C-alpha atoms as a PDB file:
ATOM      1  CA  MET A   1      26.461 -30.559   7.681  1.00  0.00           C
ATOM      2  CA  SER A   2      29.904 -32.473   8.187  1.00  0.00           C
ATOM      3  CA  LEU A   3      28.491 -35.733   8.549  1.00  0.00           C
ATOM      4  CA  LYS A   4      27.219 -36.344   5.278  1.00  0.00           C
ATOM      5  CA  THR A   5      30.545 -34.534   4.041  1.00  0.00           C
ATOM      6  CA  ASP A   6      31.011 -37.343   1.592  1.00  0.00           C
ATOM      7  CA  ILE A   7      27.417 -37.355   0.178  1.00  0.00           C
ATOM      8  CA  ILE A   8      28.679 -33.722  -1.655  1.00  0.00           C
ATOM      9  CA  PHE A   9      31.429 -35.715  -2.834  1.00  0.00           C
ATOM     10  CA  VAL A  10      29.503 -39.018  -4.265  1.00  0.00           C
ATOM     11  CA  ARG A  11      27.666 -36.325  -6.379  1.00  0.00           C
ATOM     12  CA  ALA A  12      30.504 -34.091  -7.800  1.00  0.00           C
ATOM     13  CA  LEU A  13      31.534 -37.410  -9.627  1.00  0.00           C
ATOM     14  CA  ARG A  14      28.599 -38.497 -10.425  1.00  0.00           C
ATOM     15  CA  SER A  15      28.305 -35.111 -12.595  1.00  0.00           C
ATOM     16  CA  ASN A  16      30.708 -35.958 -14.491  1.00  0.00           C
ATOM     17  CA  ASP A  17      29.590 -38.293 -17.416  1.00  0.00           C
ATOM     18  CA  GLU A  18      31.909 -39.042 -18.770  1.00  0.00           C
ATOM     19  CA  LEU A  19      33.917 -40.169 -15.751  1.00  0.00           C
ATOM     20  CA  MET A  20      30.576 -42.579 -15.085  1.00  0.00           C
ATOM     21  CA  GLU A  21      30.642 -44.027 -18.863  1.00  0.00           C
ATOM     22  CA  GLN A  22      34.207 -45.621 -18.108  1.00  0.00           C
ATOM     23  CA  LEU A  23      33.040 -46.956 -15.073  1.00  0.00           C
ATOM     24  CA  PRO A  24      31.049 -50.902 -15.219  1.00  0.00           C
ATOM     25  CA  ALA A  25      28.888 -49.804 -12.402  1.00  0.00           C
ATOM     26  CA  GLY A  26      27.963 -46.940 -14.137  1.00  0.00           C
ATOM     27  CA  ASP A  27      28.105 -44.840 -10.615  1.00  0.00           C
ATOM     28  CA  VAL A  28      30.780 -44.197  -7.743  1.00  0.00           C
ATOM     29  CA  TYR A  29      29.937 -46.712  -4.936  1.00  0.00           C
ATOM     30  CA  ASN A  30      29.893 -45.015  -1.470  1.00  0.00           C
ATOM     31  CA  THR A  31      31.581 -46.123   1.605  1.00  0.00           C
ATOM     32  CA  THR A  32      31.871 -49.664  -0.127  1.00  0.00           C
ATOM     33  CA  ILE A  33      30.793 -52.388  -2.890  1.00  0.00           C
ATOM     34  CA  ALA A  34      27.523 -53.472  -1.243  1.00  0.00           C
ATOM     35  CA  MET A  35      27.843 -57.044  -2.142  1.00  0.00           C
ATOM     36  CA  PRO A  36      28.952 -60.219  -0.702  1.00  0.00           C
ATOM     37  CA  GLU A  37      32.779 -59.653   0.281  1.00  0.00           C
ATOM     38  CA  GLN A  38      33.379 -62.921  -2.594  1.00  0.00           C
ATOM     39  CA  ASP A  39      31.393 -60.592  -5.757  1.00  0.00           C
ATOM     40  CA  ALA A  40      33.150 -57.275  -4.168  1.00  0.00           C
ATOM     41  CA  GLU A  41      36.566 -59.075  -4.856  1.00  0.00           C
ATOM     42  CA  ASN A  42      35.789 -59.885  -7.817  1.00  0.00           C
ATOM     43  CA  ALA A  43      34.261 -56.292  -8.988  1.00  0.00           C
ATOM     44  CA  PRO A  44      34.548 -55.177 -12.585  1.00  0.00           C
ATOM     45  CA  LEU A  45      37.184 -52.892 -12.940  1.00  0.00           C
ATOM     46  CA  PRO A  46      37.830 -49.633 -12.937  1.00  0.00           C
ATOM     47  CA  TYR A  47      35.227 -48.826  -9.771  1.00  0.00           C
ATOM     48  CA  ILE A  48      35.999 -45.822  -7.191  1.00  0.00           C
ATOM     49  CA  ILE A  49      34.815 -45.759  -3.688  1.00  0.00           C
ATOM     50  CA  VAL A  50      33.764 -42.537  -1.690  1.00  0.00           C
ATOM     51  CA  THR A  51      34.688 -43.245   2.068  1.00  0.00           C
ATOM     52  CA  TYR A  52      34.077 -41.313   4.901  1.00  0.00           C
ATOM     53  CA  ASP A  53      37.093 -41.625   7.688  1.00  0.00           C
ATOM     54  CA  GLY A  54      36.409 -39.870   9.987  1.00  0.00           C
ATOM     55  CA  MET A  55      36.365 -36.071  11.742  1.00  0.00           C
ATOM     56  CA  GLN A  56      37.160 -33.874  14.153  1.00  0.00           C
ATOM     57  CA  ASN A  57      35.943 -30.826  15.628  1.00  0.00           C
ATOM     58  CA  LEU A  58      38.412 -28.528  15.819  1.00  0.00           C
ATOM     59  CA  ASP A  59      38.626 -26.633  19.220  1.00  0.00           C
ATOM     60  CA  THR A  60      35.930 -24.979  21.262  1.00  0.00           C
ATOM     61  CA  ASP A  61      34.364 -21.033  20.851  1.00  0.00           C
ATOM     62  CA  LYS A  62      32.690 -18.315  22.959  1.00  0.00           C
ATOM     63  CA  ASP A  63      29.201 -19.801  22.462  1.00  0.00           C
ATOM     64  CA  SER A  64      29.781 -23.219  22.963  1.00  0.00           C
ATOM     65  CA  PRO A  65      32.799 -24.768  25.791  1.00  0.00           C
ATOM     66  CA  PHE A  66      32.028 -28.551  24.053  1.00  0.00           C
ATOM     67  CA  GLU A  67      32.836 -27.882  20.504  1.00  0.00           C
ATOM     68  CA  GLY A  68      33.773 -25.305  18.291  1.00  0.00           C
ATOM     69  CA  ASP A  69      32.768 -23.837  15.111  1.00  0.00           C
ATOM     70  CA  THR A  70      34.311 -26.182  12.414  1.00  0.00           C
ATOM     71  CA  ASP A  71      34.962 -29.663  12.201  1.00  0.00           C
ATOM     72  CA  ARG A  72      37.934 -31.442  10.036  1.00  0.00           C
ATOM     73  CA  VAL A  73      36.563 -34.177   7.933  1.00  0.00           C
ATOM     74  CA  GLN A  74      38.254 -36.874   6.286  1.00  0.00           C
ATOM     75  CA  ILE A  75      36.898 -37.897   2.933  1.00  0.00           C
ATOM     76  CA  GLY A  76      39.004 -40.867   1.471  1.00  0.00           C
ATOM     77  CA  ILE A  77      38.296 -41.874  -2.688  1.00  0.00           C
ATOM     78  CA  GLU A  78      39.961 -44.807  -3.164  1.00  0.00           C
ATOM     79  CA  VAL A  79      40.116 -45.606  -7.191  1.00  0.00           C
ATOM     80  CA  ALA A  80      41.514 -49.119  -9.261  1.00  0.00           C
ATOM     81  CA  SER A  81      41.660 -50.046 -11.958  1.00  0.00           C
ATOM     82  CA  GLU A  82      43.660 -52.979 -14.637  1.00  0.00           C
ATOM     83  CA  SER A  83      46.441 -50.530 -15.359  1.00  0.00           C
ATOM     84  CA  ARG A  84      48.697 -48.053 -14.605  1.00  0.00           C
ATOM     85  CA  PRO A  85      48.574 -45.483 -17.138  1.00  0.00           C
ATOM     86  CA  GLN A  86      44.360 -45.863 -16.615  1.00  0.00           C
ATOM     87  CA  LEU A  87      44.685 -45.684 -12.907  1.00  0.00           C
ATOM     88  CA  ALA A  88      46.914 -42.020 -13.807  1.00  0.00           C
ATOM     89  CA  THR A  89      43.725 -40.931 -15.878  1.00  0.00           C
ATOM     90  CA  LEU A  90      41.003 -41.905 -13.753  1.00  0.00           C
ATOM     91  CA  THR A  91      42.289 -39.905 -10.566  1.00  0.00           C
ATOM     92  CA  GLU A  92      43.386 -36.698 -12.540  1.00  0.00           C
ATOM     93  CA  GLN A  93      40.012 -36.820 -13.999  1.00  0.00           C
ATOM     94  CA  ILE A  94      38.473 -37.028 -10.022  1.00  0.00           C
ATOM     95  CA  ARG A  95      40.725 -34.292  -8.912  1.00  0.00           C
ATOM     96  CA  THR A  96      39.467 -32.095 -11.398  1.00  0.00           C
ATOM     97  CA  THR A  97      35.826 -33.243 -11.141  1.00  0.00           C
ATOM     98  CA  VAL A  98      35.599 -32.698  -7.595  1.00  0.00           C
ATOM     99  CA  ARG A  99      37.040 -28.854  -7.945  1.00  0.00           C
ATOM    100  CA  GLU A 100      35.371 -27.591 -10.420  1.00  0.00           C
ATOM    101  CA  PHE A 101      32.428 -29.273  -9.006  1.00  0.00           C
ATOM    102  CA  PHE A 102      32.675 -27.246  -5.630  1.00  0.00           C
ATOM    103  CA  GLU A 103      33.885 -24.062  -7.670  1.00  0.00           C
ATOM    104  CA  ASN A 104      30.694 -23.802  -9.728  1.00  0.00           C
ATOM    105  CA  LEU A 105      27.993 -25.225  -7.413  1.00  0.00           C
ATOM    106  CA  ASP A 106      25.541 -22.367  -7.236  1.00  0.00           C
ATOM    107  CA  SER A 107      25.068 -20.843  -4.178  1.00  0.00           C
ATOM    108  CA  SER A 108      21.191 -21.567  -4.066  1.00  0.00           C
ATOM    109  CA  ASP A 109      21.627 -25.308  -4.920  1.00  0.00           C
ATOM    110  CA  GLU A 110      19.812 -27.345  -1.773  1.00  0.00           C
ATOM    111  CA  ASP A 111      23.620 -29.380  -1.126  1.00  0.00           C
ATOM    112  CA  TYR A 112      25.282 -26.366  -1.014  1.00  0.00           C
ATOM    113  CA  ASP A 113      26.337 -26.089   2.528  1.00  0.00           C
ATOM    114  CA  LEU A 114      27.857 -29.627   2.663  1.00  0.00           C
ATOM    115  CA  VAL A 115      30.896 -28.209   0.243  1.00  0.00           C
ATOM    116  CA  PRO A 116      33.600 -28.050   2.735  1.00  0.00           C
ATOM    117  CA  LEU A 117      34.884 -24.360   3.468  1.00  0.00           C
ATOM    118  CA  ASP A 118      38.071 -25.184   2.872  1.00  0.00           C
ATOM    119  CA  VAL A 119      40.056 -28.277   1.150  1.00  0.00           C
ATOM    120  CA  ASP A 120      43.789 -29.762   1.333  1.00  0.00           C
ATOM    121  CA  PHE A 121      44.425 -32.497  -1.055  1.00  0.00           C
ATOM    122  CA  SER A 122      46.757 -35.502  -1.256  1.00  0.00           C
ATOM    123  CA  ALA A 123      47.289 -38.680  -2.021  1.00  0.00           C
ATOM    124  CA  GLN A 124      48.702 -42.261  -1.081  1.00  0.00           C
ATOM    125  CA  ALA A 125      50.627 -44.638  -3.204  1.00  0.00           C
ATOM    126  CA  VAL A 126      49.846 -46.226  -5.516  1.00  0.00           C
ATOM    127  CA  GLN A 127      49.880 -49.505  -5.078  1.00  0.00           C
ATOM    128  CA  TYR A 128      49.405 -52.752  -6.795  1.00  0.00           C
ATOM    129  CA  ASP A 129      47.048 -56.275  -5.871  1.00  0.00           C
ATOM    130  CA  GLU A 130      48.253 -59.061  -7.124  1.00  0.00           C
ATOM    131  CA  TRP A 131      45.096 -60.937  -5.968  1.00  0.00           C
ATOM    132  CA  LYS A 132      42.707 -59.088  -7.854  1.00  0.00           C
ATOM    133  CA  PRO A 133      44.960 -58.331  -9.878  1.00  0.00           C
ATOM    134  CA  CYS A 134      44.809 -54.288  -9.979  1.00  0.00           C
ATOM    135  CA  TYR A 135      46.476 -50.975  -9.613  1.00  0.00           C
ATOM    136  CA  TRP A 136      45.102 -48.770  -6.549  1.00  0.00           C
ATOM    137  CA  GLN A 137      45.477 -45.325  -5.000  1.00  0.00           C
ATOM    138  CA  VAL A 138      43.534 -43.512  -2.589  1.00  0.00           C
ATOM    139  CA  LEU A 139      42.951 -39.890  -2.664  1.00  0.00           C
ATOM    140  CA  GLN A 140      42.706 -38.244   0.461  1.00  0.00           C
ATOM    141  CA  TYR A 141      40.466 -34.766   1.069  1.00  0.00           C
ATOM    142  CA  GLN A 142      40.847 -32.791   4.431  1.00  0.00           C
ATOM    143  CA  CYS A 143      37.510 -30.803   4.610  1.00  0.00           C
ATOM    144  CA  ASP A 144      37.275 -28.113   6.936  1.00  0.00           C
ATOM    145  CA  THR A 145      33.411 -27.942   7.090  1.00  0.00           C
ATOM    146  CA  ASN A 146      30.401 -26.153   9.715  1.00  0.00           C
ATOM    147  CA  PRO A 147      29.193 -28.477  12.086  1.00  0.00           C
ATOM    148  CA  ASP A 148      25.823 -27.649  11.523  1.00  0.00           C
END
């Protein structure tokens, strides 16, 4: 399941109608803004991109000398907006939405196994892109997951 962890983050964000209504695309992007580069550079603000930033298997266990039973997956959520206050509002909504979605997802849900076992949250510095122009920040999630 570890190689699909980004999918549950996208689903979590899509569950918040209020958040989706603020995005001109009406949706979050997964991995990239899928359009030619010149168009992507002019994607309307605000936007959210969920990225799968890699993973590592932790230790080995008694059942397998090759892989352990826990993967640590890195998920990034890039958020871009027209103003610093709007960026702050969006990133706070995203953080709350992800946490509440994971806490409240029913174990009978078909994607329940994609919910991380444990999450460490952090955020990169707020930056400004003068060429777009926009303010942006990446929220980072280190997720312990089951490899299977």
